[in-house]
C-alpha atoms as a PDB file:
ATOM      1  CA  MET A   1     109.522  91.330 115.775  1.00  0.00           C
ATOM      2  CA  ARG A   2     111.838  90.559 112.908  1.00  0.00           C
ATOM      3  CA  ALA A   3     109.869  92.556 110.375  1.00  0.00           C
ATOM      4  CA  PRO A   4     111.405  95.971 111.260  1.00  0.00           C
ATOM      5  CA  PHE A   5     114.908  94.618 110.568  1.00  0.00           C
ATOM      6  CA  LEU A   6     113.873  92.812 107.432  1.00  0.00           C
ATOM      7  CA  LEU A   7     112.643  95.891 105.595  1.00  0.00           C
ATOM      8  CA  PRO A   8     116.053  97.688 105.522  1.00  0.00           C
ATOM      9  CA  LEU A   9     117.704  94.499 104.329  1.00  0.00           C
ATOM     10  CA  LEU A  10     115.261  94.177 101.492  1.00  0.00           C
ATOM     11  CA  MET A  11     115.842  97.791 100.529  1.00  0.00           C
ATOM     12  CA  LEU A  12     119.610  97.292 100.493  1.00  0.00           C
ATOM     13  CA  ALA A  13     119.254  94.224  98.319  1.00  0.00           C
ATOM     14  CA  GLY A  14     117.756  96.408  95.624  1.00  0.00           C
ATOM     15  CA  CYS A  15     120.796  98.691  95.632  1.00  0.00           C
ATOM     16  CA  THR A  16     123.067  96.696  93.386  1.00  0.00           C
ATOM     17  CA  ALA A  17     125.927  98.248  91.514  1.00  0.00           C
ATOM     18  CA  ALA A  18     124.736  99.592  88.213  1.00  0.00           C
ATOM     19  CA  VAL A  19     126.984  99.345  85.185  1.00  0.00           C
ATOM     20  CA  ILE A  20     127.986 102.785  84.002  1.00  0.00           C
ATOM     21  CA  ASP A  21     129.066 103.267  80.431  1.00  0.00           C
ATOM     22  CA  ALA A  22     131.815 105.861  80.940  1.00  0.00           C
ATOM     23  CA  PRO A  23     135.212 106.284  79.295  1.00  0.00           C
ATOM     24  CA  SER A  24     138.228 104.834  81.055  1.00  0.00           C
ATOM     25  CA  LEU A  25     140.524 107.126  83.002  1.00  0.00           C
ATOM     26  CA  LYS A  26     143.581 105.146  81.923  1.00  0.00           C
ATOM     27  CA  PRO A  27     146.114 106.993  79.718  1.00  0.00           C
ATOM     28  CA  ARG A  28     145.315 106.828  76.029  1.00  0.00           C
ATOM     29  CA  ALA A  29     147.880 105.875  73.409  1.00  0.00           C
ATOM     30  CA  ALA A  30     148.329 109.506  72.365  1.00  0.00           C
ATOM     31  CA  GLU A  31     149.042 110.465  75.971  1.00  0.00           C
ATOM     32  CA  LYS A  32     151.740 107.797  76.280  1.00  0.00           C
ATOM     33  CA  SER A  33     153.760 108.888  73.259  1.00  0.00           C
ATOM     34  CA  GLU A  34     156.638 111.317  73.737  1.00  0.00           C
ATOM     35  CA  VAL A  35     156.343 114.826  72.409  1.00  0.00           C
ATOM     36  CA  PRO A  36     159.422 115.746  70.378  1.00  0.00           C
ATOM     37  CA  MET A  37     161.074 118.908  71.615  1.00  0.00           C
ATOM     38  CA  PRO A  38     162.290 121.401  69.018  1.00  0.00           C
ATOM     39  CA  ASP A  39     166.026 121.573  68.614  1.00  0.00           C
ATOM     40  CA  ASP A  40     167.875 124.853  69.097  1.00  0.00           C
ATOM     41  CA  ALA A  41     168.660 125.149  65.384  1.00  0.00           C
ATOM     42  CA  SER A  42     164.972 125.199  64.434  1.00  0.00           C
ATOM     43  CA  GLU A  43     164.081 127.822  67.011  1.00  0.00           C
ATOM     44  CA  PRO A  44     164.205 131.432  65.893  1.00  0.00           C
ATOM     45  CA  GLN A  45     167.057 133.284  67.539  1.00  0.00           C
ATOM     46  CA  VAL A  46     165.778 136.312  69.419  1.00  0.00           C
ATOM     47  CA  ALA A  47     167.878 138.852  71.273  1.00  0.00           C
ATOM     48  CA  ALA A  48     167.535 139.003  75.036  1.00  0.00           C
ATOM     49  CA  ASP A  49     165.116 141.516  76.479  1.00  0.00           C
ATOM     50  CA  PRO A  50     167.043 144.606  77.696  1.00  0.00           C
ATOM     51  CA  ALA A  51     164.888 144.847  80.826  1.00  0.00           C
ATOM     52  CA  LEU A  52     165.683 141.226  81.640  1.00  0.00           C
ATOM     53  CA  LEU A  53     169.401 141.847  81.084  1.00  0.00           C
ATOM     54  CA  ALA A  54     169.241 144.772  83.509  1.00  0.00           C
ATOM     55  CA  HIS A  55     167.450 142.598  86.067  1.00  0.00           C
ATOM     56  CA  ILE A  56     170.070 139.847  85.652  1.00  0.00           C
ATOM     57  CA  ALA A  57     172.837 142.419  86.091  1.00  0.00           C
ATOM     58  CA  GLU A  58     171.232 143.543  89.364  1.00  0.00           C
ATOM     59  CA  ILE A  59     171.018 139.944  90.580  1.00  0.00           C
ATOM     60  CA  GLU A  60     174.674 139.395  89.705  1.00  0.00           C
ATOM     61  CA  LYS A  61     175.621 142.616  91.494  1.00  0.00           C
ATOM     62  CA  VAL A  62     173.917 141.358  94.656  1.00  0.00           C
ATOM     63  CA  ALA A  63     175.691 138.011  94.255  1.00  0.00           C
ATOM     64  CA  ALA A  64     179.056 139.756  93.839  1.00  0.00           C
ATOM     65  CA  GLU A  65     178.443 141.800  96.995  1.00  0.00           C
ATOM     66  CA  ALA A  66     177.506 138.638  98.884  1.00  0.00           C
ATOM     67  CA  HIS A  67     180.645 136.915  97.637  1.00  0.00           C
ATOM     68  CA  ALA A  68     182.750 139.895  98.719  1.00  0.00           C
ATOM     69  CA  ALA A  69     181.224 139.597 102.208  1.00  0.00           C
ATOM     70  CA  PHE A  70     182.109 135.898 102.168  1.00  0.00           C
ATOM     71  CA  GLU A  71     185.694 136.677 101.203  1.00  0.00           C
ATOM     72  CA  GLN A  72     185.887 139.270 103.968  1.00  0.00           C
ATOM     73  CA  ALA A  73     184.681 136.746 106.546  1.00  0.00           C
ATOM     74  CA  ARG A  74     186.909 134.021 105.143  1.00  0.00           C
ATOM     75  CA  GLY A  75     190.159 135.413 106.562  1.00  0.00           C
ATOM     76  CA  PRO A  76     189.061 135.501 110.211  1.00  0.00           C
ATOM     77  CA  ALA A  77     187.479 132.055 109.853  1.00  0.00           C
ATOM     78  CA  GLU A  78     190.646 130.540 108.396  1.00  0.00           C
ATOM     79  CA  GLU A  79     192.730 132.188 111.109  1.00  0.00           C
ATOM     80  CA  ALA A  80     190.454 130.909 113.880  1.00  0.00           C
ATOM     81  CA  VAL A  81     190.403 127.373 112.465  1.00  0.00           C
ATOM     82  CA  GLU A  82     194.207 127.356 112.151  1.00  0.00           C
ATOM     83  CA  LYS A  83     194.578 128.611 115.746  1.00  0.00           C
ATOM     84  CA  ALA A  84     192.170 125.946 116.970  1.00  0.00           C
ATOM     85  CA  GLY A  85     194.354 123.291 115.361  1.00  0.00           C
ATOM     86  CA  ASN A  86     193.552 120.012 117.052  1.00  0.00           C
ATOM     87  CA  ALA A  87     191.755 121.641 119.966  1.00  0.00           C
ATOM     88  CA  PRO A  88     189.142 119.389 121.530  1.00  0.00           C
ATOM     89  CA  PRO A  89     185.474 120.169 120.926  1.00  0.00           C
ATOM     90  CA  GLY A  90     184.169 122.629 123.498  1.00  0.00           C
ATOM     91  CA  SER A  91     187.513 124.266 124.150  1.00  0.00           C
ATOM     92  CA  GLU A  92     187.830 128.024 123.792  1.00  0.00           C
ATOM     93  CA  GLY A  93     189.776 127.878 120.504  1.00  0.00           C
ATOM     94  CA  TRP A  94     187.350 125.358 119.038  1.00  0.00           C
ATOM     95  CA  THR A  95     184.370 127.495 120.093  1.00  0.00           C
ATOM     96  CA  VAL A  96     185.864 130.645 118.546  1.00  0.00           C
ATOM     97  CA  ALA A  97     186.531 128.734 115.315  1.00  0.00           C
ATOM     98  CA  GLN A  98     182.947 127.446 115.273  1.00  0.00           C
ATOM     99  CA  GLN A  99     181.631 130.979 115.748  1.00  0.00           C
ATOM    100  CA  GLN A 100     183.776 132.232 112.870  1.00  0.00           C
ATOM    101  CA  LEU A 101     182.579 129.360 110.689  1.00  0.00           C
ATOM    102  CA  SER A 102     178.988 130.229 111.555  1.00  0.00           C
ATOM    103  CA  ALA A 103     179.610 133.843 110.581  1.00  0.00           C
ATOM    104  CA  LEU A 104     181.204 132.657 107.328  1.00  0.00           C
ATOM    105  CA  ASP A 105     178.267 130.357 106.607  1.00  0.00           C
ATOM    106  CA  ALA A 106     175.795 133.181 107.204  1.00  0.00           C
ATOM    107  CA  THR A 107     177.366 135.166 104.365  1.00  0.00           C
ATOM    108  CA  ARG A 108     176.608 132.366 101.893  1.00  0.00           C
ATOM    109  CA  GLY A 109     172.891 133.167 101.842  1.00  0.00           C
ATOM    110  CA  GLY A 110     173.238 135.977  99.322  1.00  0.00           C
ATOM    111  CA  ILE A 111     174.497 133.609  96.643  1.00  0.00           C
ATOM    112  CA  GLY A 112     171.619 131.252  97.359  1.00  0.00           C
ATOM    113  CA  HIS A 113     169.093 134.056  97.013  1.00  0.00           C
ATOM    114  CA  ALA A 114     170.646 135.136  93.708  1.00  0.00           C
ATOM    115  CA  ALA A 115     170.480 131.569  92.387  1.00  0.00           C
ATOM    116  CA  ALA A 116     166.834 131.333  93.461  1.00  0.00           C
ATOM    117  CA  ASP A 117     166.036 134.626  91.724  1.00  0.00           C
ATOM    118  CA  LEU A 118     167.564 133.288  88.509  1.00  0.00           C
ATOM    119  CA  ASP A 119     165.557 130.083  88.863  1.00  0.00           C
ATOM    120  CA  GLY A 120     162.444 132.209  89.107  1.00  0.00           C
ATOM    121  CA  LEU A 121     163.397 133.989  85.896  1.00  0.00           C
ATOM    122  CA  ARG A 122     164.148 130.655  84.223  1.00  0.00           C
ATOM    123  CA  ASN A 123     160.703 129.300  85.120  1.00  0.00           C
ATOM    124  CA  ASP A 124     158.813 132.409  83.979  1.00  0.00           C
ATOM    125  CA  PRO A 125     157.150 131.726  80.611  1.00  0.00           C
ATOM    126  CA  ALA A 126     157.766 135.354  79.640  1.00  0.00           C
ATOM    127  CA  ASN A 127     161.477 134.530  79.448  1.00  0.00           C
ATOM    128  CA  ALA A 128     161.114 131.565  77.105  1.00  0.00           C
ATOM    129  CA  THR A 129     162.812 133.175  74.118  1.00  0.00           C
ATOM    130  CA  SER A 130     166.217 131.907  73.081  1.00  0.00           C
ATOM    131  CA  GLY A 131     168.088 135.096  73.979  1.00  0.00           C
ATOM    132  CA  ASN A 132     166.499 135.322  77.417  1.00  0.00           C
ATOM    133  CA  ARG A 133     167.227 131.675  78.186  1.00  0.00           C
ATOM    134  CA  THR A 134     170.842 132.070  77.082  1.00  0.00           C
ATOM    135  CA  ALA A 135     171.342 135.139  79.295  1.00  0.00           C
ATOM    136  CA  ILE A 136     169.752 133.440  82.303  1.00  0.00           C
ATOM    137  CA  GLU A 137     171.833 130.273  81.854  1.00  0.00           C
ATOM    138  CA  ALA A 138     175.081 132.233  81.541  1.00  0.00           C
ATOM    139  CA  ALA A 139     174.355 134.162  84.741  1.00  0.00           C
ATOM    140  CA  SER A 140     173.342 130.949  86.499  1.00  0.00           C
ATOM    141  CA  GLN A 141     176.656 129.347  85.603  1.00  0.00           C
ATOM    142  CA  ARG A 142     178.606 132.308  86.957  1.00  0.00           C
ATOM    143  CA  ILE A 143     176.648 132.318  90.218  1.00  0.00           C
ATOM    144  CA  GLU A 144     176.921 128.528  90.508  1.00  0.00           C
ATOM    145  CA  ALA A 145     180.717 128.857  90.215  1.00  0.00           C
ATOM    146  CA  LEU A 146     180.734 131.327  93.117  1.00  0.00           C
ATOM    147  CA  SER A 147     178.491 129.058  95.162  1.00  0.00           C
ATOM    148  CA  THR A 148     180.695 126.038  94.498  1.00  0.00           C
ATOM    149  CA  SER A 149     183.867 127.891  95.484  1.00  0.00           C
ATOM    150  CA  GLU A 150     182.235 129.086  98.716  1.00  0.00           C
ATOM    151  CA  ALA A 151     180.987 125.596  99.517  1.00  0.00           C
ATOM    152  CA  ASP A 152     184.465 124.158  98.914  1.00  0.00           C
ATOM    153  CA  VAL A 153     186.070 126.667 101.290  1.00  0.00           C
ATOM    154  CA  PHE A 154     183.447 126.102 103.965  1.00  0.00           C
ATOM    155  CA  THR A 155     183.708 122.306 103.690  1.00  0.00           C
ATOM    156  CA  ARG A 156     187.503 122.434 103.887  1.00  0.00           C
ATOM    157  CA  LEU A 157     187.496 124.657 106.965  1.00  0.00           C
ATOM    158  CA  SER A 158     184.752 122.654 108.683  1.00  0.00           C
ATOM    159  CA  GLY A 159     186.699 119.463 108.060  1.00  0.00           C
ATOM    160  CA  MET A 160     189.758 120.881 109.800  1.00  0.00           C
ATOM    161  CA  LEU A 161     187.953 121.070 113.156  1.00  0.00           C
ATOM    162  CA  LYS A 162     187.434 118.059 115.378  1.00  0.00           C
ATOM    163  CA  ASN A 163     183.829 117.139 116.011  1.00  0.00           C
END
């Protein structure tokens, strides 16, 4: 009766782990060493691609239009927040101020899209030349300044309302 169970056990006993002579998957010394990056002085200076400059200009135009919409919505939001004063949450003045802040916040998306478009350009290997990178970075700094100013205004106005 025990013989049928004994046969599989004997077969398993023969299945021992075999030693495989394969290379290790651990990082090699060459893979651990840092790769020196070229400095800007050693890189050949190349002018920015005119097509890229035109694309950047279009992105900045969209960002400027979005910022203008923000500035247009800023006045009514500031007015509503000032009118709400210390109104309790849920009151009519507080609700109107919240709605105006929501409308103001909705206008901030255009700047975010412009920044994302520039990030896409920055990460594109086709734009790796020095002139292209310089143009993208300059535009990114200008758009980041707009984004920061909008965030500061929104944070200030939001902080004026009771929660």
